[in-house]
C-alpha atoms as a PDB file:
ATOM      1  CA  MET A   1     114.736  73.755  99.160  1.00  0.00           C
ATOM      2  CA  SER A   2     112.458  72.715  96.284  1.00  0.00           C
ATOM      3  CA  HIS A   3     113.543  72.989  92.652  1.00  0.00           C
ATOM      4  CA  ALA A   4     110.985  75.788  92.081  1.00  0.00           C
ATOM      5  CA  ALA A   5     112.279  77.698  95.106  1.00  0.00           C
ATOM      6  CA  ILE A   6     115.857  77.383  93.847  1.00  0.00           C
ATOM      7  CA  ILE A   7     114.860  78.730  90.432  1.00  0.00           C
ATOM      8  CA  ASN A   8     113.016  81.610  92.069  1.00  0.00           C
ATOM      9  CA  GLU A   9     116.027  82.398  94.267  1.00  0.00           C
ATOM     10  CA  GLN A  10     118.344  82.366  91.247  1.00  0.00           C
ATOM     11  CA  ALA A  11     115.990  84.684  89.346  1.00  0.00           C
ATOM     12  CA  THR A  12     115.949  87.102  92.258  1.00  0.00           C
ATOM     13  CA  PHE A  13     119.712  86.912  92.650  1.00  0.00           C
ATOM     14  CA  ASN A  14     120.193  87.663  88.942  1.00  0.00           C
ATOM     15  CA  ALA A  15     117.999  90.746  89.128  1.00  0.00           C
ATOM     16  CA  LEU A  16     120.907  92.983  90.153  1.00  0.00           C
ATOM     17  CA  ASP A  17     122.963  92.094  87.087  1.00  0.00           C
ATOM     18  CA  GLN A  18     119.930  92.410  84.842  1.00  0.00           C
ATOM     19  CA  ALA A  19     119.125  95.856  86.216  1.00  0.00           C
ATOM     20  CA  ARG A  20     122.703  97.029  85.764  1.00  0.00           C
ATOM     21  CA  ASN A  21     122.642  95.901  82.135  1.00  0.00           C
ATOM     22  CA  LEU A  22     119.506  97.844  81.235  1.00  0.00           C
ATOM     23  CA  THR A  23     119.857 100.517  78.564  1.00  0.00           C
ATOM     24  CA  LEU A  24     118.424 103.706  79.995  1.00  0.00           C
ATOM     25  CA  PRO A  25     116.558 106.280  77.922  1.00  0.00           C
ATOM     26  CA  SER A  26     118.721 109.198  76.907  1.00  0.00           C
ATOM     27  CA  ARG A  27     119.020 112.328  79.019  1.00  0.00           C
ATOM     28  CA  GLN A  28     117.131 114.273  76.348  1.00  0.00           C
ATOM     29  CA  GLU A  29     114.311 111.714  76.282  1.00  0.00           C
ATOM     30  CA  MET A  30     114.026 111.919  80.061  1.00  0.00           C
ATOM     31  CA  LEU A  31     113.945 115.707  80.115  1.00  0.00           C
ATOM     32  CA  MET A  32     111.325 115.712  77.334  1.00  0.00           C
ATOM     33  CA  ARG A  33     109.356 112.947  79.082  1.00  0.00           C
ATOM     34  CA  ALA A  34     109.160 110.943  75.878  1.00  0.00           C
ATOM     35  CA  PRO A  35     106.625 108.038  75.909  1.00  0.00           C
ATOM     36  CA  ALA A  36     109.500 105.549  75.789  1.00  0.00           C
ATOM     37  CA  VAL A  37     110.715 106.807  79.175  1.00  0.00           C
ATOM     38  CA  GLN A  38     107.477 105.969  80.964  1.00  0.00           C
ATOM     39  CA  GLN A  39     107.428 102.615  79.178  1.00  0.00           C
ATOM     40  CA  PHE A  40     110.976 101.881  80.384  1.00  0.00           C
ATOM     41  CA  TRP A  41     110.072 102.429  84.049  1.00  0.00           C
ATOM     42  CA  ASP A  42     106.760 100.575  83.768  1.00  0.00           C
ATOM     43  CA  ASN A  43     108.299  97.549  82.060  1.00  0.00           C
ATOM     44  CA  ASN A  44     111.129  97.253  84.578  1.00  0.00           C
ATOM     45  CA  ARG A  45     109.371  98.107  87.852  1.00  0.00           C
ATOM     46  CA  GLU A  46     109.437  94.575  89.291  1.00  0.00           C
ATOM     47  CA  LEU A  47     112.989  93.943  88.102  1.00  0.00           C
ATOM     48  CA  LEU A  48     114.281  97.132  89.724  1.00  0.00           C
ATOM     49  CA  SER A  49     112.499  96.356  92.987  1.00  0.00           C
ATOM     50  CA  SER A  50     114.100  92.905  93.050  1.00  0.00           C
ATOM     51  CA  ALA A  51     117.486  94.422  92.207  1.00  0.00           C
ATOM     52  CA  TRP A  52     117.337  96.818  95.169  1.00  0.00           C
ATOM     53  CA  THR A  53     116.364  93.945  97.456  1.00  0.00           C
ATOM     54  CA  GLU A  54     119.334  91.922  96.212  1.00  0.00           C
ATOM     55  CA  TRP A  55     121.697  94.900  96.518  1.00  0.00           C
ATOM     56  CA  GLU A  56     120.631  95.490 100.085  1.00  0.00           C
ATOM     57  CA  ARG A  57     121.109  91.829 100.969  1.00  0.00           C
ATOM     58  CA  THR A  58     124.378  91.118  99.168  1.00  0.00           C
ATOM     59  CA  GLU A  59     126.250  94.432  98.855  1.00  0.00           C
ATOM     60  CA  GLN A  60     124.905  96.889 101.400  1.00  0.00           C
ATOM     61  CA  GLY A  61     124.666  94.105 103.970  1.00  0.00           C
ATOM     62  CA  ASN A  62     124.909  95.147 107.608  1.00  0.00           C
ATOM     63  CA  ALA A  63     127.330  97.982 106.910  1.00  0.00           C
ATOM     64  CA  PHE A  64     124.805 100.543 108.061  1.00  0.00           C
ATOM     65  CA  ASN A  65     121.349 100.441 109.628  1.00  0.00           C
ATOM     66  CA  LEU A  66     118.780 103.081 108.801  1.00  0.00           C
ATOM     67  CA  ASP A  67     116.855 103.779 111.988  1.00  0.00           C
ATOM     68  CA  GLU A  68     115.637 106.562 114.279  1.00  0.00           C
ATOM     69  CA  SER A  69     119.011 106.846 116.005  1.00  0.00           C
ATOM     70  CA  LEU A  70     120.000 109.051 113.042  1.00  0.00           C
ATOM     71  CA  LEU A  71     117.605 111.735 114.242  1.00  0.00           C
ATOM     72  CA  SER A  72     118.294 114.497 116.742  1.00  0.00           C
ATOM     73  CA  ALA A  73     117.895 113.074 120.242  1.00  0.00           C
ATOM     74  CA  LYS A  74     115.803 116.036 121.390  1.00  0.00           C
ATOM     75  CA  LEU A  75     113.348 115.647 118.521  1.00  0.00           C
ATOM     76  CA  ARG A  76     113.273 111.854 118.781  1.00  0.00           C
ATOM     77  CA  ASP A  77     112.610 111.903 122.515  1.00  0.00           C
ATOM     78  CA  ALA A  78     109.899 114.569 122.303  1.00  0.00           C
ATOM     79  CA  VAL A  79     108.143 112.789 119.429  1.00  0.00           C
ATOM     80  CA  ASN A  80     108.259 109.398 121.147  1.00  0.00           C
ATOM     81  CA  LYS A  81     106.807 110.983 124.286  1.00  0.00           C
ATOM     82  CA  ALA A  82     104.013 112.643 122.291  1.00  0.00           C
ATOM     83  CA  TRP A  83     103.051 109.359 120.658  1.00  0.00           C
ATOM     84  CA  GLU A  84     102.694 107.875 124.131  1.00  0.00           C
ATOM     85  CA  ASP A  85     100.942 110.951 125.572  1.00  0.00           C
ATOM     86  CA  PRO A  86      99.705 113.509 123.006  1.00  0.00           C
ATOM     87  CA  THR A  87      99.144 116.102 125.730  1.00  0.00           C
ATOM     88  CA  THR A  88     102.947 116.570 125.765  1.00  0.00           C
ATOM     89  CA  GLU A  89     103.024 117.645 122.092  1.00  0.00           C
ATOM     90  CA  LEU A  90     103.995 121.223 122.971  1.00  0.00           C
ATOM     91  CA  ASP A  91     107.455 119.855 123.774  1.00  0.00           C
ATOM     92  CA  VAL A  92     107.687 118.947 120.084  1.00  0.00           C
ATOM     93  CA  LYS A  93     106.344 122.302 118.925  1.00  0.00           C
ATOM     94  CA  GLU A  94     108.870 124.215 121.009  1.00  0.00           C
ATOM     95  CA  LEU A  95     111.712 122.602 119.031  1.00  0.00           C
ATOM     96  CA  TRP A  96     110.497 124.251 115.804  1.00  0.00           C
ATOM     97  CA  GLU A  97     111.546 127.891 115.440  1.00  0.00           C
ATOM     98  CA  GLU A  98     109.618 130.169 113.076  1.00  0.00           C
ATOM     99  CA  VAL A  99     112.376 131.651 110.897  1.00  0.00           C
ATOM    100  CA  ALA A 100     110.105 133.283 108.280  1.00  0.00           C
ATOM    101  CA  PRO A 101     106.331 133.758 108.161  1.00  0.00           C
ATOM    102  CA  GLY A 102     104.896 130.232 108.156  1.00  0.00           C
ATOM    103  CA  VAL A 103     108.341 128.616 107.870  1.00  0.00           C
ATOM    104  CA  PHE A 104     109.738 126.621 110.790  1.00  0.00           C
ATOM    105  CA  GLN A 105     113.093 124.937 111.266  1.00  0.00           C
ATOM    106  CA  CYS A 106     114.462 122.316 113.648  1.00  0.00           C
ATOM    107  CA  GLN A 107     117.506 120.111 114.070  1.00  0.00           C
ATOM    108  CA  PHE A 108     116.154 116.958 112.427  1.00  0.00           C
ATOM    109  CA  PHE A 109     119.163 114.682 111.922  1.00  0.00           C
ATOM    110  CA  ASP A 110     121.991 114.312 114.409  1.00  0.00           C
ATOM    111  CA  PRO A 111     124.954 116.093 112.746  1.00  0.00           C
ATOM    112  CA  GLU A 112     127.311 113.470 114.192  1.00  0.00           C
ATOM    113  CA  ARG A 113     125.438 110.707 112.328  1.00  0.00           C
ATOM    114  CA  LEU A 114     125.062 112.421 108.968  1.00  0.00           C
ATOM    115  CA  ALA A 115     128.253 110.863 107.596  1.00  0.00           C
ATOM    116  CA  GLU A 116     126.642 107.432 107.932  1.00  0.00           C
ATOM    117  CA  LEU A 117     123.485 108.501 106.145  1.00  0.00           C
ATOM    118  CA  ARG A 118     125.429 110.239 103.398  1.00  0.00           C
ATOM    119  CA  GLY A 119     127.584 107.134 103.046  1.00  0.00           C
ATOM    120  CA  TYR A 120     124.473 105.046 102.510  1.00  0.00           C
ATOM    121  CA  LEU A 121     123.206 107.445  99.839  1.00  0.00           C
ATOM    122  CA  GLU A 122     126.619 107.413  98.178  1.00  0.00           C
ATOM    123  CA  ASN A 123     126.398 103.620  98.035  1.00  0.00           C
ATOM    124  CA  VAL A 124     122.967 104.017  96.455  1.00  0.00           C
ATOM    125  CA  ALA A 125     124.417 106.359  93.823  1.00  0.00           C
ATOM    126  CA  ASN A 126     127.197 103.840  93.114  1.00  0.00           C
ATOM    127  CA  ALA A 127     124.867 100.812  92.952  1.00  0.00           C
ATOM    128  CA  GLU A 128     124.448 101.212  89.165  1.00  0.00           C
ATOM    129  CA  ILE A 129     120.738 100.414  89.454  1.00  0.00           C
ATOM    130  CA  PRO A 130     118.640 102.847  87.394  1.00  0.00           C
ATOM    131  CA  LEU A 131     116.988 105.556  89.480  1.00  0.00           C
ATOM    132  CA  ARG A 132     114.618 108.166  88.143  1.00  0.00           C
ATOM    133  CA  PRO A 133     115.646 111.695  89.149  1.00  0.00           C
ATOM    134  CA  PRO A 134     113.035 114.404  89.681  1.00  0.00           C
ATOM    135  CA  TYR A 135     111.660 115.901  86.471  1.00  0.00           C
ATOM    136  CA  GLY A 136     111.925 119.644  86.178  1.00  0.00           C
ATOM    137  CA  ILE A 137     115.326 119.477  87.870  1.00  0.00           C
ATOM    138  CA  ALA A 138     118.542 118.855  85.924  1.00  0.00           C
ATOM    139  CA  LEU A 139     119.315 115.159  85.933  1.00  0.00           C
ATOM    140  CA  ASN A 140     122.233 114.152  88.123  1.00  0.00           C
ATOM    141  CA  ARG A 141     123.332 110.961  89.790  1.00  0.00           C
ATOM    142  CA  HIS A 142     122.363 112.130  93.285  1.00  0.00           C
ATOM    143  CA  GLY A 143     118.730 112.902  92.487  1.00  0.00           C
ATOM    144  CA  ALA A 144     116.206 110.125  93.158  1.00  0.00           C
ATOM    145  CA  MET A 145     112.528 109.522  93.742  1.00  0.00           C
ATOM    146  CA  LEU A 146     111.945 108.120  97.222  1.00  0.00           C
ATOM    147  CA  ASP A 147     108.256 107.187  97.334  1.00  0.00           C
ATOM    148  CA  LYS A 148     106.980 103.918  95.873  1.00  0.00           C
ATOM    149  CA  ARG A 149     104.256 105.799  93.979  1.00  0.00           C
ATOM    150  CA  SER A 150     107.035 107.088  91.693  1.00  0.00           C
ATOM    151  CA  GLU A 151     108.542 105.061  88.889  1.00  0.00           C
ATOM    152  CA  GLY A 152     112.234 104.259  89.233  1.00  0.00           C
ATOM    153  CA  TYR A 153     112.114 104.930  92.984  1.00  0.00           C
ATOM    154  CA  LEU A 154     114.656 103.842  95.603  1.00  0.00           C
ATOM    155  CA  ALA A 155     113.036 100.499  96.402  1.00  0.00           C
ATOM    156  CA  ALA A 156     115.591  99.174  98.915  1.00  0.00           C
ATOM    157  CA  PRO A 157     113.353  97.660 101.642  1.00  0.00           C
ATOM    158  CA  GLU A 158     115.337  99.068 104.578  1.00  0.00           C
ATOM    159  CA  PHE A 159     115.279 102.551 103.103  1.00  0.00           C
ATOM    160  CA  GLN A 160     111.545 102.320 102.436  1.00  0.00           C
ATOM    161  CA  ALA A 161     110.880 101.331 106.051  1.00  0.00           C
ATOM    162  CA  PHE A 162     112.973 104.284 107.260  1.00  0.00           C
ATOM    163  CA  TYR A 163     111.267 106.677 104.845  1.00  0.00           C
ATOM    164  CA  GLN A 164     107.831 105.588 106.032  1.00  0.00           C
ATOM    165  CA  THR A 165     108.850 106.067 109.663  1.00  0.00           C
ATOM    166  CA  VAL A 166     110.008 109.617 108.939  1.00  0.00           C
ATOM    167  CA  MET A 167     106.742 110.412 107.169  1.00  0.00           C
ATOM    168  CA  ASP A 168     104.284 108.711 109.542  1.00  0.00           C
ATOM    169  CA  LYS A 169     105.935 109.184 112.903  1.00  0.00           C
ATOM    170  CA  TYR A 170     107.580 112.584 112.443  1.00  0.00           C
ATOM    171  CA  MET A 171     106.565 114.733 109.502  1.00  0.00           C
ATOM    172  CA  ARG A 172     102.781 114.240 109.564  1.00  0.00           C
ATOM    173  CA  PRO A 173     102.158 114.986 113.263  1.00  0.00           C
ATOM    174  CA  VAL A 174     104.601 117.921 113.159  1.00  0.00           C
ATOM    175  CA  ALA A 175     102.797 119.367 110.125  1.00  0.00           C
ATOM    176  CA  ARG A 176      99.451 118.939 111.898  1.00  0.00           C
ATOM    177  CA  LEU A 177     100.846 120.618 114.992  1.00  0.00           C
ATOM    178  CA  LEU A 178     102.205 123.658 113.136  1.00  0.00           C
ATOM    179  CA  PHE A 179      99.524 123.873 110.431  1.00  0.00           C
ATOM    180  CA  PRO A 180      96.269 122.424 111.845  1.00  0.00           C
ATOM    181  CA  GLU A 181      94.410 122.844 108.560  1.00  0.00           C
ATOM    182  CA  VAL A 182      96.465 120.067 106.898  1.00  0.00           C
ATOM    183  CA  MET A 183      94.643 117.464 109.014  1.00  0.00           C
ATOM    184  CA  GLY A 184      92.660 115.382 106.522  1.00  0.00           C
ATOM    185  CA  TYR A 185      94.865 116.565 103.650  1.00  0.00           C
ATOM    186  CA  ASP A 186      97.918 114.546 104.631  1.00  0.00           C
ATOM    187  CA  SER A 187      97.095 110.914 103.859  1.00  0.00           C
ATOM    188  CA  GLN A 188      99.409 110.638 100.843  1.00  0.00           C
ATOM    189  CA  THR A 189     103.194 110.998 100.774  1.00  0.00           C
ATOM    190  CA  PHE A 190     105.794 111.997  98.209  1.00  0.00           C
ATOM    191  CA  GLY A 191     109.546 112.480  98.386  1.00  0.00           C
ATOM    192  CA  PHE A 192     112.733 112.960  96.391  1.00  0.00           C
ATOM    193  CA  SER A 193     116.388 113.749  96.937  1.00  0.00           C
ATOM    194  CA  ILE A 194     118.459 116.355  95.143  1.00  0.00           C
ATOM    195  CA  GLN A 195     122.023 117.596  95.179  1.00  0.00           C
ATOM    196  CA  TYR A 196     122.672 121.167  94.097  1.00  0.00           C
ATOM    197  CA  GLN A 197     126.102 121.710  92.582  1.00  0.00           C
ATOM    198  CA  PRO A 198     127.591 124.249  90.173  1.00  0.00           C
ATOM    199  CA  GLY A 199     127.033 123.315  86.550  1.00  0.00           C
ATOM    200  CA  VAL A 200     124.431 120.599  87.281  1.00  0.00           C
ATOM    201  CA  ASP A 201     121.546 121.480  89.594  1.00  0.00           C
ATOM    202  CA  THR A 202     122.240 125.121  90.346  1.00  0.00           C
ATOM    203  CA  SER A 203     118.966 126.778  91.373  1.00  0.00           C
ATOM    204  CA  LEU A 204     115.176 126.539  91.413  1.00  0.00           C
ATOM    205  CA  ARG A 205     112.862 129.374  90.373  1.00  0.00           C
ATOM    206  CA  LEU A 206     110.166 130.850  92.600  1.00  0.00           C
ATOM    207  CA  HIS A 207     107.330 128.342  92.911  1.00  0.00           C
ATOM    208  CA  THR A 208     104.774 126.791  95.212  1.00  0.00           C
ATOM    209  CA  ASP A 209     104.346 123.078  95.866  1.00  0.00           C
ATOM    210  CA  ALA A 210     101.321 120.907  95.115  1.00  0.00           C
ATOM    211  CA  SER A 211     101.377 119.806  98.745  1.00  0.00           C
ATOM    212  CA  ALA A 212      99.614 120.544 101.987  1.00  0.00           C
ATOM    213  CA  ALA A 213     103.007 120.668 103.710  1.00  0.00           C
ATOM    214  CA  THR A 214     106.617 120.439 102.539  1.00  0.00           C
ATOM    215  CA  MET A 215     109.648 119.465 104.601  1.00  0.00           C
ATOM    216  CA  ASN A 216     113.125 120.162 103.221  1.00  0.00           C
ATOM    217  CA  ILE A 217     115.947 118.418 105.126  1.00  0.00           C
ATOM    218  CA  ASN A 218     119.592 119.276 104.586  1.00  0.00           C
ATOM    219  CA  LEU A 219     122.083 116.396 104.587  1.00  0.00           C
ATOM    220  CA  ASN A 220     125.328 118.345 104.380  1.00  0.00           C
ATOM    221  CA  LEU A 221     127.959 117.236 106.870  1.00  0.00           C
ATOM    222  CA  PRO A 222     129.264 119.598 109.553  1.00  0.00           C
ATOM    223  CA  GLY A 223     131.981 121.668 107.894  1.00  0.00           C
ATOM    224  CA  GLU A 224     130.892 120.662 104.375  1.00  0.00           C
ATOM    225  CA  ALA A 225     130.680 124.224 103.154  1.00  0.00           C
ATOM    226  CA  PHE A 226     128.895 125.598 100.111  1.00  0.00           C
ATOM    227  CA  THR A 227     128.221 129.130  98.928  1.00  0.00           C
ATOM    228  CA  GLY A 228     124.993 130.405  97.440  1.00  0.00           C
ATOM    229  CA  SER A 229     121.997 128.025  97.281  1.00  0.00           C
ATOM    230  CA  GLU A 230     120.052 129.998  99.890  1.00  0.00           C
ATOM    231  CA  ILE A 231     116.293 129.479 100.092  1.00  0.00           C
ATOM    232  CA  ASP A 232     114.100 132.525  99.510  1.00  0.00           C
ATOM    233  CA  TYR A 233     110.679 132.481 101.149  1.00  0.00           C
ATOM    234  CA  TYR A 234     108.228 135.048  99.805  1.00  0.00           C
ATOM    235  CA  ASP A 235     105.481 136.443 102.022  1.00  0.00           C
ATOM    236  CA  PRO A 236     102.585 137.340  99.674  1.00  0.00           C
ATOM    237  CA  THR A 237     100.931 139.373 102.450  1.00  0.00           C
ATOM    238  CA  THR A 238     103.809 141.830 102.859  1.00  0.00           C
ATOM    239  CA  GLY A 239     105.881 141.197  99.730  1.00  0.00           C
ATOM    240  CA  VAL A 240     108.927 140.607 101.923  1.00  0.00           C
ATOM    241  CA  VAL A 241     111.432 137.911 100.939  1.00  0.00           C
ATOM    242  CA  ARG A 242     113.327 136.157 103.720  1.00  0.00           C
ATOM    243  CA  ARG A 243     116.568 134.488 102.590  1.00  0.00           C
ATOM    244  CA  LEU A 244     117.691 131.506 104.678  1.00  0.00           C
ATOM    245  CA  SER A 245     120.628 129.115 104.594  1.00  0.00           C
ATOM    246  CA  PHE A 246     120.724 125.480 105.628  1.00  0.00           C
ATOM    247  CA  GLU A 247     122.993 123.984 108.244  1.00  0.00           C
ATOM    248  CA  ALA A 248     123.872 120.322 108.760  1.00  0.00           C
ATOM    249  CA  GLY A 249     120.824 118.167 109.478  1.00  0.00           C
ATOM    250  CA  ILE A 250     118.387 121.088 109.660  1.00  0.00           C
ATOM    251  CA  ALA A 251     114.806 120.657 108.417  1.00  0.00           C
ATOM    252  CA  MET A 252     112.537 123.452 107.259  1.00  0.00           C
ATOM    253  CA  ILE A 253     108.790 122.859 107.045  1.00  0.00           C
ATOM    254  CA  HIS A 254     106.127 125.088 105.514  1.00  0.00           C
ATOM    255  CA  ARG A 255     102.771 124.962 103.798  1.00  0.00           C
ATOM    256  CA  GLY A 256     103.067 123.991 100.149  1.00  0.00           C
ATOM    257  CA  SER A 257     101.391 127.296  99.239  1.00  0.00           C
ATOM    258  CA  VAL A 258     104.360 129.348 100.512  1.00  0.00           C
ATOM    259  CA  PRO A 259     106.278 130.666  97.451  1.00  0.00           C
ATOM    260  CA  HIS A 260     109.964 129.780  97.627  1.00  0.00           C
ATOM    261  CA  ALA A 261     113.053 129.550  95.430  1.00  0.00           C
ATOM    262  CA  ALA A 262     116.610 128.221  95.598  1.00  0.00           C
ATOM    263  CA  GLN A 263     119.347 130.698  94.732  1.00  0.00           C
ATOM    264  CA  PRO A 264     122.181 129.592  92.431  1.00  0.00           C
ATOM    265  CA  ILE A 265     124.910 127.589  94.152  1.00  0.00           C
ATOM    266  CA  THR A 266     128.367 129.025  93.475  1.00  0.00           C
ATOM    267  CA  SER A 267     130.678 126.513  95.156  1.00  0.00           C
ATOM    268  CA  GLY A 268     130.500 123.190  96.929  1.00  0.00           C
ATOM    269  CA  SER A 269     127.286 121.161  96.936  1.00  0.00           C
ATOM    270  CA  ARG A 270     124.055 121.019  98.928  1.00  0.00           C
ATOM    271  CA  THR A 271     122.314 117.679  99.436  1.00  0.00           C
ATOM    272  CA  ASN A 272     118.665 117.653 100.509  1.00  0.00           C
ATOM    273  CA  ILE A 273     115.673 115.377 100.913  1.00  0.00           C
ATOM    274  CA  VAL A 274     112.315 116.979 100.105  1.00  0.00           C
ATOM    275  CA  LEU A 275     109.105 115.465 101.513  1.00  0.00           C
ATOM    276  CA  TRP A 276     105.462 116.270 100.748  1.00  0.00           C
ATOM    277  CA  LEU A 277     102.127 115.482 102.342  1.00  0.00           C
ATOM    278  CA  TYR A 278      98.804 115.902 100.560  1.00  0.00           C
ATOM    279  CA  GLY A 279      95.333 114.384 100.610  1.00  0.00           C
ATOM    280  CA  ASP A 280      93.520 111.699  98.663  1.00  0.00           C
ATOM    281  CA  ARG A 281      93.061 112.629  94.986  1.00  0.00           C
ATOM    282  CA  ARG A 282      95.875 115.186  95.413  1.00  0.00           C
ATOM    283  CA  GLN A 283      93.722 117.504  97.525  1.00  0.00           C
ATOM    284  CA  ILE A 284      95.284 120.301  99.584  1.00  0.00           C
ATOM    285  CA  PRO A 285      93.616 122.646 102.104  1.00  0.00           C
ATOM    286  CA  VAL A 286      91.717 125.693 100.912  1.00  0.00           C
ATOM    287  CA  ARG A 287      93.629 128.850 101.809  1.00  0.00           C
ATOM    288  CA  GLY A 288      92.309 130.352 105.012  1.00  0.00           C
ATOM    289  CA  LEU A 289      90.836 127.092 106.256  1.00  0.00           C
ATOM    290  CA  THR A 290      91.010 126.781 110.038  1.00  0.00           C
ATOM    291  CA  GLN A 291      90.007 123.890 112.246  1.00  0.00           C
ATOM    292  CA  GLU A 292      90.422 122.834 115.835  1.00  0.00           C
ATOM    293  CA  ILE A 293      92.118 119.459 116.191  1.00  0.00           C
ATOM    294  CA  ASP A 294      92.280 117.363 119.323  1.00  0.00           C
ATOM    295  CA  ALA A 295      95.854 116.518 120.284  1.00  0.00           C
ATOM    296  CA  LYS A 296      95.119 112.799 120.328  1.00  0.00           C
ATOM    297  CA  ALA A 297      93.843 112.945 116.735  1.00  0.00           C
ATOM    298  CA  ARG A 298      97.084 114.533 115.551  1.00  0.00           C
ATOM    299  CA  TRP A 299      99.170 111.591 116.686  1.00  0.00           C
ATOM    300  CA  THR A 300      97.564 109.008 114.438  1.00  0.00           C
ATOM    301  CA  VAL A 301      98.305 107.462 111.038  1.00  0.00           C
ATOM    302  CA  PRO A 302      95.601 107.776 108.341  1.00  0.00           C
ATOM    303  CA  GLU A 303      93.880 104.583 107.256  1.00  0.00           C
ATOM    304  CA  SER A 304      93.694 105.677 103.607  1.00  0.00           C
ATOM    305  CA  ILE A 305      95.279 103.301 101.128  1.00  0.00           C
ATOM    306  CA  PRO A 306      98.282 104.890  99.375  1.00  0.00           C
ATOM    307  CA  ASP A 307      97.377 105.758  95.793  1.00  0.00           C
ATOM    308  CA  SER A 308      99.603 105.371  92.753  1.00  0.00           C
ATOM    309  CA  TYR A 309      99.595 108.959  91.507  1.00  0.00           C
ATOM    310  CA  ALA A 310     102.819 110.958  91.647  1.00  0.00           C
ATOM    311  CA  PRO A 311     102.778 114.786  91.353  1.00  0.00           C
ATOM    312  CA  PHE A 312     105.723 114.603  88.921  1.00  0.00           C
END
């Protein structure tokens, strides 16, 4: 190895220690979105990316592989079949049950494998590498930005590859299948994780998302009980509110325009990953838009270049 390569390797290897020694902006500065906060993430973007690469190589190691085997076998098999032959896509659609107007749920992760995924995320939380939690949600150690368009995101290469697979191979074609009008408004991705727990992140007021489609995936383990924290979905047509609870590994998907809220959690904790799709320049479909989409077109990945704009 050349002298320059050795120096470069040492610099990369030292990134983890450097990242752990960074002085983070205060909680108040982060909640107020002070200019110094944005400057902190901008100035340390490359360092943090290198630190996550080093962490994955030296500390996470081969303890756990993030791959599609974590997903429900029924969903995985149906999706793989549809990618090979889009005319079979109804087998995918049949797995998604409409549980409220315009809200569908499906067993997304295999409940028997959730402990491994949660273990990985616990290792992430314990890595002591700065992560930016979602703004607008109380800051806690289990909240993180997942998409590389966000500053302070979870830049571990293996996680990023897994995240992109979930978005490109699963979420986008499912959203197109259930909500045909999102086709063409789904080239850009966004994601974050959150853990609701009493006294920290307790609830979320009624709101809509700046997305064409939103998928909310629960990561609680089987038997990991919590009380409260139900999701309310409001039907603006009828005024009816449907209150739903998550079970282990269940995903709910809906248009971003569907008003929803999280009720206060009263005991235990609820861990979720939230994923968005929207179009170039943050475009979302016009309400009432309808379009006929060929099955083959649904099972494709957009060629648009990912932009660098994060919704929050």
